PDB file of N, CA and C in Angstrom:
ATOM      1  N   MET A   1     -13.502   2.646 -24.931  1.00  0.00           N
ATOM      2  CA  MET A   1     -12.786   2.193 -23.751  1.00  0.00           C
ATOM      3  C   MET A   1     -12.500   3.353 -22.825  1.00  0.00           C
ATOM      4  N   LYS A   2     -12.694   3.145 -21.564  1.00  0.00           N
ATOM      5  CA  LYS A   2     -12.460   4.171 -20.549  1.00  0.00           C
ATOM      6  C   LYS A   2     -11.042   4.200 -20.150  1.00  0.00           C
ATOM      7  N   LYS A   3     -10.535   5.353 -19.837  1.00  0.00           N
ATOM      8  CA  LYS A   3      -9.154   5.497 -19.369  1.00  0.00           C
ATOM      9  C   LYS A   3      -9.103   6.170 -18.045  1.00  0.00           C
ATOM     10  N   SER A   4      -8.269   5.664 -17.122  1.00  0.00           N
ATOM     11  CA  SER A   4      -8.117   6.250 -15.801  1.00  0.00           C
ATOM     12  C   SER A   4      -6.665   6.639 -15.603  1.00  0.00           C
ATOM     13  N   LYS A   5      -6.453   7.661 -14.695  1.00  0.00           N
ATOM     14  CA  LYS A   5      -5.115   8.116 -14.495  1.00  0.00           C
ATOM     15  C   LYS A   5      -4.862   8.254 -12.978  1.00  0.00           C
ATOM     16  N   ILE A   6      -3.713   7.704 -12.513  1.00  0.00           N
ATOM     17  CA  ILE A   6      -3.303   7.825 -11.138  1.00  0.00           C
ATOM     18  C   ILE A   6      -1.911   8.547 -11.185  1.00  0.00           C
ATOM     19  N   GLU A   7      -1.787   9.590 -10.421  1.00  0.00           N
ATOM     20  CA  GLU A   7      -0.547  10.345 -10.394  1.00  0.00           C
ATOM     21  C   GLU A   7       0.042  10.493  -8.996  1.00  0.00           C
ATOM     22  N   PHE A   8       1.338  10.403  -8.851  1.00  0.00           N
ATOM     23  CA  PHE A   8       2.015  10.644  -7.603  1.00  0.00           C
ATOM     24  C   PHE A   8       3.061  11.741  -7.815  1.00  0.00           C
ATOM     25  N   ASP A   9       3.152  12.607  -6.847  1.00  0.00           N
ATOM     26  CA  ASP A   9       4.145  13.695  -6.913  1.00  0.00           C
ATOM     27  C   ASP A   9       4.926  13.575  -5.597  1.00  0.00           C
ATOM     28  N   ILE A  10       6.184  13.234  -5.684  1.00  0.00           N
ATOM     29  CA  ILE A  10       7.057  13.007  -4.507  1.00  0.00           C
ATOM     30  C   ILE A  10       8.138  14.124  -4.464  1.00  0.00           C
ATOM     31  N   GLN A  11       8.141  14.829  -3.333  1.00  0.00           N
ATOM     32  CA  GLN A  11       9.210  15.805  -3.119  1.00  0.00           C
ATOM     33  C   GLN A  11      10.257  15.206  -2.196  1.00  0.00           C
ATOM     34  N   LEU A  12      11.470  15.326  -2.564  1.00  0.00           N
ATOM     35  CA  LEU A  12      12.576  14.698  -1.789  1.00  0.00           C
ATOM     36  C   LEU A  12      13.499  15.797  -1.215  1.00  0.00           C
ATOM     37  N   ASP A  13      14.121  15.439  -0.070  1.00  0.00           N
ATOM     38  CA  ASP A  13      15.140  16.400   0.513  1.00  0.00           C
ATOM     39  C   ASP A  13      16.453  16.132  -0.152  1.00  0.00           C
ATOM     40  N   GLU A  14      17.520  16.779   0.369  1.00  0.00           N
ATOM     41  CA  GLU A  14      18.819  16.603  -0.196  1.00  0.00           C
ATOM     42  C   GLU A  14      19.416  15.212  -0.131  1.00  0.00           C
ATOM     43  N   THR A  15      18.888  14.396   0.792  1.00  0.00           N
ATOM     44  CA  THR A  15      19.351  13.004   0.985  1.00  0.00           C
ATOM     45  C   THR A  15      18.433  12.022   0.234  1.00  0.00           C
ATOM     46  N   HIS A  16      17.529  12.578  -0.597  1.00  0.00           N
ATOM     47  CA  HIS A  16      16.548  11.791  -1.402  1.00  0.00           C
ATOM     48  C   HIS A  16      15.519  11.084  -0.526  1.00  0.00           C
ATOM     49  N   THR A  17      15.279  11.607   0.652  1.00  0.00           N
ATOM     50  CA  THR A  17      14.214  11.106   1.554  1.00  0.00           C
ATOM     51  C   THR A  17      12.933  11.834   1.244  1.00  0.00           C
ATOM     52  N   PRO A  18      11.836  11.123   1.083  1.00  0.00           N
ATOM     53  CA  PRO A  18      10.538  11.817   0.730  1.00  0.00           C
ATOM     54  C   PRO A  18      10.129  12.748   1.914  1.00  0.00           C
ATOM     55  N   VAL A  19       9.766  13.974   1.535  1.00  0.00           N
ATOM     56  CA  VAL A  19       9.270  14.886   2.562  1.00  0.00           C
ATOM     57  C   VAL A  19       7.817  15.221   2.261  1.00  0.00           C
ATOM     58  N   LEU A  20       7.366  14.901   1.074  1.00  0.00           N
ATOM     59  CA  LEU A  20       5.950  15.155   0.666  1.00  0.00           C
ATOM     60  C   LEU A  20       5.565  14.108  -0.365  1.00  0.00           C
ATOM     61  N   ILE A  21       4.402  13.494  -0.125  1.00  0.00           N
ATOM     62  CA  ILE A  21       3.844  12.551  -1.086  1.00  0.00           C
ATOM     63  C   ILE A  21       2.432  13.051  -1.394  1.00  0.00           C
ATOM     64  N   ASN A  22       2.194  13.443  -2.651  1.00  0.00           N
ATOM     65  CA  ASN A  22       0.813  13.843  -3.040  1.00  0.00           C
ATOM     66  C   ASN A  22       0.342  12.880  -4.098  1.00  0.00           C
ATOM     67  N   TRP A  23      -0.937  12.683  -4.172  1.00  0.00           N
ATOM     68  CA  TRP A  23      -1.486  11.773  -5.221  1.00  0.00           C
ATOM     69  C   TRP A  23      -2.849  12.294  -5.632  1.00  0.00           C
ATOM     70  N   SER A  24      -3.209  11.847  -6.812  1.00  0.00           N
ATOM     71  CA  SER A  24      -4.589  12.087  -7.322  1.00  0.00           C
ATOM     72  C   SER A  24      -4.884  10.949  -8.265  1.00  0.00           C
ATOM     73  N   ALA A  25      -6.208  10.680  -8.418  1.00  0.00           N
ATOM     74  CA  ALA A  25      -6.706   9.598  -9.270  1.00  0.00           C
ATOM     75  C   ALA A  25      -8.007  10.018  -9.904  1.00  0.00           C
ATOM     76  N   THR A  26      -8.148   9.842 -11.164  1.00  0.00           N
ATOM     77  CA  THR A  26      -9.397  10.281 -11.824  1.00  0.00           C
ATOM     78  C   THR A  26     -10.611   9.493 -11.362  1.00  0.00           C
ATOM     79  N   ASP A  27     -10.481   8.294 -10.921  1.00  0.00           N
ATOM     80  CA  ASP A  27     -11.673   7.501 -10.482  1.00  0.00           C
ATOM     81  C   ASP A  27     -11.672   7.251  -8.962  1.00  0.00           C
ATOM     82  N   SER A  28     -11.012   8.082  -8.202  1.00  0.00           N
ATOM     83  CA  SER A  28     -10.924   7.826  -6.734  1.00  0.00           C
ATOM     84  C   SER A  28     -12.219   8.216  -6.025  1.00  0.00           C
ATOM     85  N   GLY A  29     -13.022   9.044  -6.628  1.00  0.00           N
ATOM     86  CA  GLY A  29     -14.195   9.568  -5.962  1.00  0.00           C
ATOM     87  C   GLY A  29     -13.810  10.763  -5.029  1.00  0.00           C
ATOM     88  N   LEU A  30     -12.595  11.111  -5.000  1.00  0.00           N
ATOM     89  CA  LEU A  30     -12.080  12.225  -4.201  1.00  0.00           C
ATOM     90  C   LEU A  30     -11.654  13.330  -5.127  1.00  0.00           C
ATOM     91  N   GLU A  31     -11.929  14.564  -4.814  1.00  0.00           N
ATOM     92  CA  GLU A  31     -11.582  15.701  -5.631  1.00  0.00           C
ATOM     93  C   GLU A  31     -10.231  16.243  -5.249  1.00  0.00           C
ATOM     94  N   GLY A  32      -9.453  16.593  -6.284  1.00  0.00           N
ATOM     95  CA  GLY A  32      -8.182  17.313  -6.038  1.00  0.00           C
ATOM     96  C   GLY A  32      -7.037  16.382  -5.617  1.00  0.00           C
ATOM     97  N   ILE A  33      -5.978  17.036  -5.210  1.00  0.00           N
ATOM     98  CA  ILE A  33      -4.729  16.342  -4.784  1.00  0.00           C
ATOM     99  C   ILE A  33      -4.802  16.038  -3.313  1.00  0.00           C
ATOM    100  N   LYS A  34      -4.404  14.807  -2.991  1.00  0.00           N
ATOM    101  CA  LYS A  34      -4.467  14.321  -1.609  1.00  0.00           C
ATOM    102  C   LYS A  34      -3.017  14.116  -1.095  1.00  0.00           C
ATOM    103  N   ASN A  35      -2.842  14.272   0.175  1.00  0.00           N
ATOM    104  CA  ASN A  35      -1.490  14.096   0.802  1.00  0.00           C
ATOM    105  C   ASN A  35      -1.472  12.714   1.442  1.00  0.00           C
ATOM    106  N   ALA A  36      -0.316  12.097   1.399  1.00  0.00           N
ATOM    107  CA  ALA A  36      -0.066  10.766   2.010  1.00  0.00           C
ATOM    108  C   ALA A  36       1.233  10.822   2.779  1.00  0.00           C
ATOM    109  N   LYS A  37       1.359   9.919   3.787  1.00  0.00           N
ATOM    110  CA  LYS A  37       2.640   9.796   4.518  1.00  0.00           C
ATOM    111  C   LYS A  37       3.464   8.614   3.976  1.00  0.00           C
ATOM    112  N   ALA A  38       2.795   7.701   3.281  1.00  0.00           N
ATOM    113  CA  ALA A  38       3.502   6.498   2.777  1.00  0.00           C
ATOM    114  C   ALA A  38       2.847   6.004   1.487  1.00  0.00           C
ATOM    115  N   LEU A  39       3.629   5.252   0.785  1.00  0.00           N
ATOM    116  CA  LEU A  39       3.185   4.696  -0.520  1.00  0.00           C
ATOM    117  C   LEU A  39       3.870   3.369  -0.757  1.00  0.00           C
ATOM    118  N   LEU A  40       3.132   2.346  -0.981  1.00  0.00           N
ATOM    119  CA  LEU A  40       3.646   1.042  -1.409  1.00  0.00           C
ATOM    120  C   LEU A  40       3.063   0.764  -2.791  1.00  0.00           C
ATOM    121  N   LEU A  41       3.868   0.561  -3.750  1.00  0.00           N
ATOM    122  CA  LEU A  41       3.410   0.349  -5.117  1.00  0.00           C
ATOM    123  C   LEU A  41       4.081  -0.876  -5.678  1.00  0.00           C
ATOM    124  N   SER A  42       3.287  -1.836  -6.117  1.00  0.00           N
ATOM    125  CA  SER A  42       3.856  -3.050  -6.725  1.00  0.00           C
ATOM    126  C   SER A  42       3.284  -3.123  -8.126  1.00  0.00           C
ATOM    127  N   VAL A  43       4.116  -3.419  -9.112  1.00  0.00           N
ATOM    128  CA  VAL A  43       3.690  -3.543 -10.466  1.00  0.00           C
ATOM    129  C   VAL A  43       4.309  -4.857 -10.996  1.00  0.00           C
ATOM    130  N   PHE A  44       3.485  -5.714 -11.589  1.00  0.00           N
ATOM    131  CA  PHE A  44       3.925  -6.956 -12.241  1.00  0.00           C
ATOM    132  C   PHE A  44       4.310  -6.646 -13.637  1.00  0.00           C
ATOM    133  N   ASP A  45       5.578  -6.674 -13.962  1.00  0.00           N
ATOM    134  CA  ASP A  45       6.054  -6.337 -15.319  1.00  0.00           C
ATOM    135  C   ASP A  45       5.775  -7.491 -16.241  1.00  0.00           C
ATOM    136  N   ALA A  46       5.018  -7.249 -17.320  1.00  0.00           N
ATOM    137  CA  ALA A  46       4.572  -8.342 -18.203  1.00  0.00           C
ATOM    138  C   ALA A  46       5.760  -8.922 -18.950  1.00  0.00           C
ATOM    139  N   ARG A  47       6.676  -8.096 -19.366  1.00  0.00           N
ATOM    140  CA  ARG A  47       7.811  -8.545 -20.150  1.00  0.00           C
ATOM    141  C   ARG A  47       8.814  -9.288 -19.328  1.00  0.00           C
ATOM    142  N   GLU A  48       9.139  -8.729 -18.164  1.00  0.00           N
ATOM    143  CA  GLU A  48      10.194  -9.318 -17.255  1.00  0.00           C
ATOM    144  C   GLU A  48       9.593 -10.451 -16.426  1.00  0.00           C
ATOM    145  N   GLN A  49       8.246 -10.551 -16.360  1.00  0.00           N
ATOM    146  CA  GLN A  49       7.616 -11.558 -15.520  1.00  0.00           C
ATOM    147  C   GLN A  49       8.051 -11.493 -14.085  1.00  0.00           C
ATOM    148  N   GLY A  50       8.084 -10.285 -13.563  1.00  0.00           N
ATOM    149  CA  GLY A  50       8.557 -10.055 -12.179  1.00  0.00           C
ATOM    150  C   GLY A  50       7.867  -8.796 -11.585  1.00  0.00           C
ATOM    151  N   THR A  51       7.983  -8.691 -10.277  1.00  0.00           N
ATOM    152  CA  THR A  51       7.379  -7.625  -9.568  1.00  0.00           C
ATOM    153  C   THR A  51       8.371  -6.500  -9.324  1.00  0.00           C
ATOM    154  N   LEU A  52       7.952  -5.268  -9.617  1.00  0.00           N
ATOM    155  CA  LEU A  52       8.755  -4.102  -9.380  1.00  0.00           C
ATOM    156  C   LEU A  52       8.060  -3.369  -8.217  1.00  0.00           C
ATOM    157  N   ARG A  53       8.877  -2.875  -7.271  1.00  0.00           N
ATOM    158  CA  ARG A  53       8.214  -2.229  -6.099  1.00  0.00           C
ATOM    159  C   ARG A  53       8.844  -0.856  -5.827  1.00  0.00           C
ATOM    160  N   ILE A  54       7.999   0.000  -5.313  1.00  0.00           N
ATOM    161  CA  ILE A  54       8.381   1.280  -4.812  1.00  0.00           C
ATOM    162  C   ILE A  54       7.781   1.383  -3.421  1.00  0.00           C
ATOM    163  N   ASP A  55       8.609   1.509  -2.417  1.00  0.00           N
ATOM    164  CA  ASP A  55       8.186   1.726  -1.017  1.00  0.00           C
ATOM    165  C   ASP A  55       8.755   3.051  -0.533  1.00  0.00           C
ATOM    166  N   LEU A  56       7.839   3.974  -0.254  1.00  0.00           N
ATOM    167  CA  LEU A  56       8.263   5.330   0.195  1.00  0.00           C
ATOM    168  C   LEU A  56       7.474   5.737   1.406  1.00  0.00           C
ATOM    169  N   TRP A  57       8.117   6.419   2.313  1.00  0.00           N
ATOM    170  CA  TRP A  57       7.403   7.063   3.459  1.00  0.00           C
ATOM    171  C   TRP A  57       8.114   8.327   3.848  1.00  0.00           C
ATOM    172  N   THR A  58       7.397   9.309   4.350  1.00  0.00           N
ATOM    173  CA  THR A  58       7.930  10.537   4.763  1.00  0.00           C
ATOM    174  C   THR A  58       8.539  10.474   6.137  1.00  0.00           C
ATOM    175  N   LYS A  59       9.320  11.491   6.483  1.00  0.00           N
ATOM    176  CA  LYS A  59       9.891  11.596   7.859  1.00  0.00           C
ATOM    177  C   LYS A  59       8.834  11.683   8.930  1.00  0.00           C
ATOM    178  N   GLU A  60       7.653  12.155   8.548  1.00  0.00           N
ATOM    179  CA  GLU A  60       6.558  12.354   9.533  1.00  0.00           C
ATOM    180  C   GLU A  60       5.829  11.052   9.816  1.00  0.00           C
ATOM    181  N   MET A  61       6.069   9.986   9.062  1.00  0.00           N
ATOM    182  CA  MET A  61       5.394   8.775   9.336  1.00  0.00           C
ATOM    183  C   MET A  61       5.874   8.152  10.633  1.00  0.00           C
ATOM    184  N   MET A  62       5.011   8.031  11.601  1.00  0.00           N
ATOM    185  CA  MET A  62       5.354   7.434  12.878  1.00  0.00           C
ATOM    186  C   MET A  62       5.375   5.941  12.838  1.00  0.00           C
ATOM    187  N   VAL A  63       6.071   5.281  13.753  1.00  0.00           N
ATOM    188  CA  VAL A  63       6.151   3.872  13.735  1.00  0.00           C
ATOM    189  C   VAL A  63       4.762   3.181  13.920  1.00  0.00           C
ATOM    190  N   ASP A  64       3.917   3.768  14.815  1.00  0.00           N
ATOM    191  CA  ASP A  64       2.620   3.234  14.970  1.00  0.00           C
ATOM    192  C   ASP A  64       1.739   3.318  13.733  1.00  0.00           C
ATOM    193  N   GLU A  65       1.936   4.375  12.965  1.00  0.00           N
ATOM    194  CA  GLU A  65       1.235   4.587  11.736  1.00  0.00           C
ATOM    195  C   GLU A  65       1.709   3.571  10.670  1.00  0.00           C
ATOM    196  N   MET A  66       3.029   3.317  10.658  1.00  0.00           N
ATOM    197  CA  MET A  66       3.574   2.323   9.742  1.00  0.00           C
ATOM    198  C   MET A  66       3.054   0.952  10.087  1.00  0.00           C
ATOM    199  N   GLN A  67       2.984   0.591  11.319  1.00  0.00           N
ATOM    200  CA  GLN A  67       2.433  -0.678  11.720  1.00  0.00           C
ATOM    201  C   GLN A  67       1.002  -0.843  11.254  1.00  0.00           C
ATOM    202  N   GLN A  68       0.178   0.177  11.398  1.00  0.00           N
ATOM    203  CA  GLN A  68      -1.231   0.152  10.967  1.00  0.00           C
ATOM    204  C   GLN A  68      -1.246   0.041   9.464  1.00  0.00           C
ATOM    205  N   PHE A  69      -0.386   0.775   8.762  1.00  0.00           N
ATOM    206  CA  PHE A  69      -0.350   0.743   7.273  1.00  0.00           C
ATOM    207  C   PHE A  69      -0.017  -0.636   6.803  1.00  0.00           C
ATOM    208  N   ILE A  70       0.981  -1.287   7.389  1.00  0.00           N
ATOM    209  CA  ILE A  70       1.378  -2.654   7.004  1.00  0.00           C
ATOM    210  C   ILE A  70       0.314  -3.607   7.307  1.00  0.00           C
ATOM    211  N   TYR A  71      -0.316  -3.510   8.467  1.00  0.00           N
ATOM    212  CA  TYR A  71      -1.400  -4.425   8.833  1.00  0.00           C
ATOM    213  C   TYR A  71      -2.578  -4.310   7.868  1.00  0.00           C
ATOM    214  N   GLU A  72      -3.015  -3.160   7.577  1.00  0.00           N
ATOM    215  CA  GLU A  72      -4.131  -2.945   6.661  1.00  0.00           C
ATOM    216  C   GLU A  72      -3.764  -3.422   5.226  1.00  0.00           C
ATOM    217  N   THR A  73      -2.505  -3.218   4.863  1.00  0.00           N
ATOM    218  CA  THR A  73      -2.104  -3.623   3.492  1.00  0.00           C
ATOM    219  C   THR A  73      -2.089  -5.179   3.450  1.00  0.00           C
ATOM    220  N   MET A  74      -1.608  -5.844   4.476  1.00  0.00           N
ATOM    221  CA  MET A  74      -1.642  -7.330   4.451  1.00  0.00           C
ATOM    222  C   MET A  74      -3.062  -7.849   4.460  1.00  0.00           C
ATOM    223  N   ARG A  75      -3.970  -7.231   5.200  1.00  0.00           N
ATOM    224  CA  ARG A  75      -5.376  -7.661   5.190  1.00  0.00           C
ATOM    225  C   ARG A  75      -5.926  -7.493   3.774  1.00  0.00           C
ATOM    226  N   SER A  76      -5.657  -6.393   3.150  1.00  0.00           N
ATOM    227  CA  SER A  76      -6.247  -6.185   1.805  1.00  0.00           C
ATOM    228  C   SER A  76      -5.630  -7.087   0.787  1.00  0.00           C
ATOM    229  N   LEU A  77      -4.346  -7.518   1.005  1.00  0.00           N
ATOM    230  CA  LEU A  77      -3.718  -8.510   0.069  1.00  0.00           C
ATOM    231  C   LEU A  77      -4.433  -9.837   0.139  1.00  0.00           C
ATOM    232  N   ALA A  78      -4.902 -10.214   1.355  1.00  0.00           N
ATOM    233  CA  ALA A  78      -5.712 -11.468   1.426  1.00  0.00           C
ATOM    234  C   ALA A  78      -6.932 -11.353   0.618  1.00  0.00           C
ATOM    235  N   ASP A  79      -7.632 -10.240   0.675  1.00  0.00           N
ATOM    236  CA  ASP A  79      -8.856 -10.035  -0.104  1.00  0.00           C
ATOM    237  C   ASP A  79      -8.572 -10.092  -1.630  1.00  0.00           C
ATOM    238  N   THR A  80      -7.451  -9.405  -2.009  1.00  0.00           N
ATOM    239  CA  THR A  80      -7.078  -9.374  -3.407  1.00  0.00           C
ATOM    240  C   THR A  80      -6.721 -10.779  -3.879  1.00  0.00           C
ATOM    241  N   TYR A  81      -6.015 -11.511  -3.026  1.00  0.00           N
ATOM    242  CA  TYR A  81      -5.567 -12.895  -3.382  1.00  0.00           C
ATOM    243  C   TYR A  81      -6.780 -13.794  -3.677  1.00  0.00           C
ATOM    244  N   VAL A  82      -7.793 -13.764  -2.765  1.00  0.00           N
ATOM    245  CA  VAL A  82      -8.899 -14.672  -2.913  1.00  0.00           C
ATOM    246  C   VAL A  82      -9.756 -14.218  -4.159  1.00  0.00           C
ATOM    247  N   ARG A  83      -9.857 -12.948  -4.404  1.00  0.00           N
ATOM    248  CA  ARG A  83     -10.618 -12.499  -5.586  1.00  0.00           C
ATOM    249  C   ARG A  83      -9.905 -12.935  -6.881  1.00  0.00           C
ATOM    250  N   ALA A  84      -8.553 -12.887  -6.864  1.00  0.00           N
ATOM    251  CA  ALA A  84      -7.777 -13.186  -8.051  1.00  0.00           C
ATOM    252  C   ALA A  84      -7.662 -14.739  -8.329  1.00  0.00           C
ATOM    253  N   THR A  85      -7.601 -15.498  -7.241  1.00  0.00           N
ATOM    254  CA  THR A  85      -7.301 -16.924  -7.376  1.00  0.00           C
ATOM    255  C   THR A  85      -8.430 -17.866  -6.923  1.00  0.00           C
ATOM    256  N   GLY A  86      -9.310 -17.372  -6.121  1.00  0.00           N
ATOM    257  CA  GLY A  86     -10.355 -18.208  -5.525  1.00  0.00           C
ATOM    258  C   GLY A  86      -9.848 -19.069  -4.425  1.00  0.00           C
ATOM    259  N   GLU A  87      -8.589 -18.927  -4.032  1.00  0.00           N
ATOM    260  CA  GLU A  87      -8.032 -19.769  -3.034  1.00  0.00           C
ATOM    261  C   GLU A  87      -8.269 -19.198  -1.622  1.00  0.00           C
ATOM    262  N   LYS A  88      -9.448 -19.512  -1.043  1.00  0.00           N
ATOM    263  CA  LYS A  88      -9.878 -18.980   0.240  1.00  0.00           C
ATOM    264  C   LYS A  88      -8.993 -19.471   1.387  1.00  0.00           C
ATOM    265  N   GLU A  89      -8.573 -20.678   1.353  1.00  0.00           N
ATOM    266  CA  GLU A  89      -7.732 -21.213   2.421  1.00  0.00           C
ATOM    267  C   GLU A  89      -6.433 -20.432   2.574  1.00  0.00           C
ATOM    268  N   ILE A  90      -5.787 -20.176   1.451  1.00  0.00           N
ATOM    269  CA  ILE A  90      -4.543 -19.446   1.552  1.00  0.00           C
ATOM    270  C   ILE A  90      -4.733 -18.013   1.945  1.00  0.00           C
ATOM    271  N   ALA A  91      -5.880 -17.426   1.426  1.00  0.00           N
ATOM    272  CA  ALA A  91      -6.232 -16.042   1.864  1.00  0.00           C
ATOM    273  C   ALA A  91      -6.455 -16.042   3.388  1.00  0.00           C
ATOM    274  N   ASP A  92      -7.069 -17.033   3.894  1.00  0.00           N
ATOM    275  CA  ASP A  92      -7.313 -17.100   5.357  1.00  0.00           C
ATOM    276  C   ASP A  92      -5.969 -17.199   6.099  1.00  0.00           C
ATOM    277  N   ASP A  93      -5.000 -17.931   5.536  1.00  0.00           N
ATOM    278  CA  ASP A  93      -3.652 -17.965   6.114  1.00  0.00           C
ATOM    279  C   ASP A  93      -3.023 -16.556   6.215  1.00  0.00           C
ATOM    280  N   ILE A  94      -3.224 -15.807   5.132  1.00  0.00           N
ATOM    281  CA  ILE A  94      -2.701 -14.447   5.086  1.00  0.00           C
ATOM    282  C   ILE A  94      -3.370 -13.569   6.150  1.00  0.00           C
ATOM    283  N   ARG A  95      -4.668 -13.752   6.221  1.00  0.00           N
ATOM    284  CA  ARG A  95      -5.464 -13.036   7.283  1.00  0.00           C
ATOM    285  C   ARG A  95      -4.995 -13.395   8.703  1.00  0.00           C
ATOM    286  N   ASN A  96      -4.783 -14.728   8.935  1.00  0.00           N
ATOM    287  CA  ASN A  96      -4.303 -15.161  10.220  1.00  0.00           C
ATOM    288  C   ASN A  96      -2.981 -14.575  10.596  1.00  0.00           C
ATOM    289  N   PHE A  97      -2.046 -14.563   9.606  1.00  0.00           N
ATOM    290  CA  PHE A  97      -0.735 -13.887   9.849  1.00  0.00           C
ATOM    291  C   PHE A  97      -0.948 -12.427  10.169  1.00  0.00           C
ATOM    292  N   SER A  98      -1.854 -11.759   9.440  1.00  0.00           N
ATOM    293  CA  SER A  98      -2.097 -10.352   9.673  1.00  0.00           C
ATOM    294  C   SER A  98      -2.625 -10.116  11.080  1.00  0.00           C
ATOM    295  N   GLU A  99      -3.507 -11.019  11.544  1.00  0.00           N
ATOM    296  CA  GLU A  99      -4.043 -10.911  12.925  1.00  0.00           C
ATOM    297  C   GLU A  99      -2.893 -11.085  13.905  1.00  0.00           C
ATOM    298  N   SER A 100      -1.996 -12.048  13.689  1.00  0.00           N
ATOM    299  CA  SER A 100      -0.830 -12.235  14.524  1.00  0.00           C
ATOM    300  C   SER A 100       0.003 -10.995  14.601  1.00  0.00           C
ATOM    301  N   PHE A 101       0.273 -10.410  13.455  1.00  0.00           N
ATOM    302  CA  PHE A 101       1.057  -9.192  13.348  1.00  0.00           C
ATOM    303  C   PHE A 101       0.379  -8.063  14.115  1.00  0.00           C
ATOM    304  N   GLY A 102      -0.974  -7.939  13.914  1.00  0.00           N
ATOM    305  CA  GLY A 102      -1.702  -6.915  14.594  1.00  0.00           C
ATOM    306  C   GLY A 102      -1.637  -7.032  16.135  1.00  0.00           C
ATOM    307  N   LYS A 103      -1.698  -8.264  16.644  1.00  0.00           N
ATOM    308  CA  LYS A 103      -1.566  -8.491  18.068  1.00  0.00           C
ATOM    309  C   LYS A 103      -0.209  -8.181  18.579  1.00  0.00           C
ATOM    310  N   LYS A 104       0.807  -8.628  17.861  1.00  0.00           N
ATOM    311  CA  LYS A 104       2.227  -8.439  18.299  1.00  0.00           C
ATOM    312  C   LYS A 104       2.601  -7.006  18.271  1.00  0.00           C
ATOM    313  N   THR A 105       2.035  -6.186  17.405  1.00  0.00           N
ATOM    314  CA  THR A 105       2.339  -4.755  17.345  1.00  0.00           C
ATOM    315  C   THR A 105       1.476  -3.953  18.277  1.00  0.00           C
ATOM    316  N   GLY A 106       0.481  -4.572  18.883  1.00  0.00           N
ATOM    317  CA  GLY A 106      -0.420  -3.869  19.804  1.00  0.00           C
ATOM    318  C   GLY A 106      -1.580  -3.169  19.121  1.00  0.00           C
ATOM    319  N   LEU A 107      -1.687  -3.360  17.826  1.00  0.00           N
ATOM    320  CA  LEU A 107      -2.821  -2.803  17.088  1.00  0.00           C
ATOM    321  C   LEU A 107      -4.165  -3.488  17.488  1.00  0.00           C
ATOM    322  N   LEU A 108      -4.082  -4.745  17.715  1.00  0.00           N
ATOM    323  CA  LEU A 108      -5.233  -5.533  18.132  1.00  0.00           C
ATOM    324  C   LEU A 108      -5.110  -6.090  19.526  1.00  0.00           C
ATOM    325  N   LYS A 109      -6.200  -6.169  20.230  1.00  0.00           N
ATOM    326  CA  LYS A 109      -6.163  -6.710  21.589  1.00  0.00           C
ATOM    327  C   LYS A 109      -6.490  -8.194  21.540  1.00  0.00           C
TER     328      LYS A 109
END
């Protein structure tokens, strides 16, 4: 059995606000430690049967970058949803909402 590892290193200031987010993954195809401005992590807990979330972003994350990050995340959730469930119609609904979000934020024309 193959084993993969994903690691996050978060440096916080005195108010517990992230100032640095670094990550690495053994199967990412990228060498070494990479820097990020934001991180959204969702884990479905098997025992509790619920989702645990960690949402972090650094002080350097600009509003337009966050809008792009959220837009791209929603688009990818639609892809994940259809792969996991086969429910193309609902995935299309998620994509349509993402498009609306993109237009309202000015990301899309």
